[in-house]
N, C-alpha and C. Protein backbone atom coordinates (compact mmCIF):
# COMPACT_ATOMS: atom_id res chain seq x y z
N MET A 1 76.52 53.93 109.70
CA MET A 1 77.82 54.56 109.56
C MET A 1 78.81 53.77 110.42
N THR A 2 79.88 53.37 109.78
CA THR A 2 80.89 52.59 110.50
C THR A 2 81.79 53.54 111.30
N GLU A 3 82.54 52.94 112.17
CA GLU A 3 83.48 53.72 112.97
C GLU A 3 84.51 54.42 112.08
N GLN A 4 84.98 53.74 111.07
CA GLN A 4 85.97 54.30 110.15
C GLN A 4 85.37 55.49 109.39
N GLU A 5 84.15 55.38 108.90
CA GLU A 5 83.50 56.48 108.19
C GLU A 5 83.31 57.69 109.11
N TYR A 6 82.91 57.43 110.33
CA TYR A 6 82.72 58.51 111.30
C TYR A 6 84.02 59.27 111.55
N VAL A 7 85.10 58.54 111.76
CA VAL A 7 86.40 59.17 112.02
C VAL A 7 86.85 59.97 110.79
N GLU A 8 86.72 59.41 109.61
CA GLU A 8 87.13 60.11 108.39
C GLU A 8 86.31 61.37 108.17
N GLU A 9 85.00 61.29 108.38
CA GLU A 9 84.14 62.46 108.20
C GLU A 9 84.48 63.56 109.21
N ARG A 10 84.67 63.16 110.44
CA ARG A 10 85.00 64.14 111.48
C ARG A 10 86.37 64.77 111.21
N LEU A 11 87.32 63.95 110.84
CA LEU A 11 88.66 64.46 110.54
C LEU A 11 88.62 65.40 109.34
N GLN A 12 87.90 65.04 108.31
CA GLN A 12 87.79 65.90 107.13
C GLN A 12 87.17 67.24 107.50
N ASN A 13 86.16 67.23 108.34
CA ASN A 13 85.52 68.47 108.79
C ASN A 13 86.52 69.35 109.52
N GLN A 14 87.34 68.77 110.36
CA GLN A 14 88.33 69.54 111.10
C GLN A 14 89.42 70.08 110.18
N ILE A 15 89.83 69.30 109.19
CA ILE A 15 90.83 69.76 108.22
C ILE A 15 90.29 70.94 107.43
N GLU A 16 89.03 70.89 107.02
CA GLU A 16 88.42 72.00 106.28
C GLU A 16 88.32 73.24 107.14
N TRP A 17 87.95 73.09 108.41
CA TRP A 17 87.86 74.23 109.32
C TRP A 17 89.23 74.87 109.49
N TYR A 18 90.25 74.05 109.68
CA TYR A 18 91.61 74.55 109.85
C TYR A 18 92.06 75.30 108.59
N ALA A 19 91.74 74.79 107.42
CA ALA A 19 92.12 75.44 106.17
C ALA A 19 91.44 76.80 106.04
N ARG A 20 90.16 76.88 106.40
CA ARG A 20 89.44 78.16 106.34
C ARG A 20 90.06 79.18 107.30
N LYS A 21 90.33 78.76 108.53
CA LYS A 21 90.91 79.65 109.51
C LYS A 21 92.32 80.09 109.09
N SER A 22 93.05 79.20 108.51
CA SER A 22 94.39 79.51 108.04
C SER A 22 94.36 80.57 106.95
N ARG A 23 93.45 80.42 105.99
CA ARG A 23 93.30 81.43 104.93
C ARG A 23 92.90 82.78 105.52
N SER A 24 91.95 82.75 106.44
CA SER A 24 91.47 83.99 107.06
C SER A 24 92.60 84.69 107.82
N ASN A 25 93.34 83.94 108.59
CA ASN A 25 94.44 84.53 109.35
C ASN A 25 95.55 85.03 108.44
N HIS A 26 95.81 84.33 107.36
CA HIS A 26 96.84 84.77 106.42
C HIS A 26 96.43 86.09 105.75
N LEU A 27 95.17 86.21 105.35
CA LEU A 27 94.71 87.46 104.75
C LEU A 27 94.76 88.61 105.75
N SER A 28 94.43 88.34 107.00
CA SER A 28 94.53 89.38 108.03
C SER A 28 95.97 89.80 108.21
N PHE A 29 96.88 88.86 108.20
CA PHE A 29 98.31 89.16 108.32
C PHE A 29 98.77 90.05 107.17
N LEU A 30 98.39 89.69 105.95
CA LEU A 30 98.80 90.49 104.79
C LEU A 30 98.22 91.90 104.85
N TYR A 31 96.96 92.02 105.26
CA TYR A 31 96.31 93.32 105.39
C TYR A 31 97.05 94.18 106.41
N LEU A 32 97.36 93.63 107.55
CA LEU A 32 98.07 94.38 108.58
C LEU A 32 99.49 94.71 108.14
N ARG A 33 100.12 93.84 107.38
CA ARG A 33 101.47 94.11 106.89
C ARG A 33 101.46 95.30 105.93
N VAL A 34 100.46 95.37 105.06
CA VAL A 34 100.34 96.50 104.13
C VAL A 34 100.13 97.79 104.91
N ILE A 35 99.27 97.77 105.91
CA ILE A 35 99.05 98.96 106.74
C ILE A 35 100.34 99.37 107.42
N GLU A 36 101.09 98.40 107.94
CA GLU A 36 102.35 98.69 108.61
C GLU A 36 103.34 99.37 107.66
N ILE A 37 103.45 98.86 106.45
CA ILE A 37 104.39 99.42 105.47
C ILE A 37 103.97 100.82 105.07
N VAL A 38 102.68 101.02 104.84
CA VAL A 38 102.19 102.35 104.46
C VAL A 38 102.45 103.36 105.57
N LEU A 39 102.15 102.99 106.80
CA LEU A 39 102.38 103.91 107.92
C LEU A 39 103.87 104.18 108.12
N ALA A 40 104.70 103.16 107.98
CA ALA A 40 106.14 103.34 108.13
C ALA A 40 106.68 104.26 107.03
N ALA A 41 106.15 104.13 105.84
CA ALA A 41 106.61 104.97 104.73
C ALA A 41 106.14 106.41 104.90
N SER A 42 105.03 106.61 105.62
CA SER A 42 104.53 107.96 105.79
C SER A 42 105.30 108.76 106.84
N ILE A 43 106.06 108.10 107.71
CA ILE A 43 106.79 108.82 108.75
C ILE A 43 107.77 109.83 108.17
N PRO A 44 108.64 109.44 107.23
CA PRO A 44 109.56 110.44 106.68
C PRO A 44 108.83 111.56 105.93
N LEU A 45 107.74 111.22 105.26
CA LEU A 45 106.99 112.25 104.53
C LEU A 45 106.38 113.26 105.49
N LEU A 46 105.76 112.77 106.55
CA LEU A 46 105.14 113.67 107.52
C LEU A 46 106.19 114.47 108.27
N THR A 47 107.32 113.84 108.58
CA THR A 47 108.39 114.56 109.27
C THR A 47 108.92 115.68 108.39
N GLY A 48 109.08 115.41 107.10
CA GLY A 48 109.55 116.45 106.17
C GLY A 48 108.56 117.59 106.08
N MET A 49 107.27 117.26 106.06
CA MET A 49 106.26 118.32 105.99
C MET A 49 106.26 119.15 107.27
N MET A 50 106.42 118.49 108.41
CA MET A 50 106.43 119.21 109.67
C MET A 50 107.69 120.07 109.80
N LYS A 51 108.80 119.58 109.28
CA LYS A 51 110.05 120.33 109.36
C LYS A 51 109.94 121.63 108.57
N GLU A 52 109.30 121.57 107.41
CA GLU A 52 109.11 122.77 106.59
C GLU A 52 108.28 123.81 107.34
N ARG A 53 107.36 123.35 108.18
CA ARG A 53 106.49 124.26 108.91
C ARG A 53 107.08 124.63 110.27
N GLY A 54 108.24 124.07 110.62
CA GLY A 54 108.87 124.38 111.89
C GLY A 54 108.21 123.70 113.07
N GLU A 55 107.65 122.53 112.86
CA GLU A 55 106.94 121.84 113.94
C GLU A 55 107.64 120.58 114.40
N VAL A 56 108.94 120.44 114.10
CA VAL A 56 109.67 119.23 114.46
C VAL A 56 110.54 119.53 115.67
N GLY A 57 110.63 118.58 116.56
CA GLY A 57 111.49 118.71 117.74
C GLY A 57 110.67 119.05 118.97
N LEU A 58 111.36 119.00 120.11
CA LEU A 58 110.68 119.32 121.36
C LEU A 58 110.31 120.79 121.43
N LEU A 59 111.22 121.61 120.92
CA LEU A 59 110.96 123.05 120.87
C LEU A 59 110.78 123.46 119.42
N SER A 60 109.65 123.98 119.10
CA SER A 60 109.42 124.37 117.71
C SER A 60 110.12 125.68 117.43
N ASP A 61 110.26 126.00 116.14
CA ASP A 61 110.90 127.23 115.74
C ASP A 61 110.04 128.45 116.04
N ARG A 62 108.76 128.21 116.24
CA ARG A 62 107.85 129.31 116.53
C ARG A 62 107.88 129.64 118.02
N SER A 63 107.78 130.91 118.33
CA SER A 63 107.69 131.26 119.74
C SER A 63 106.24 131.27 120.16
N ALA A 64 105.99 130.83 121.38
CA ALA A 64 104.62 130.71 121.86
C ALA A 64 104.04 132.00 122.32
C-alpha cells in the first residue's frame, strides 16, 4: 500500500463516518423539533381545558 492509497483510504473512512454522524444528528434534530412543536401546540389546548375547570391562575376559582 502506497502512502497515497493509505491517505485516501483513511480520508474516505473519515468522510463516511462524518456523513453517518451528520445524518444521525439531523434526524435527532428533526425528532426533537417535532416534539417541540407538538408540546408548544398543546399549551393553548391544555390551558383552555384547565380554564373550563377553573384551574388556571395562581388562585383557582374553587375554594380550598
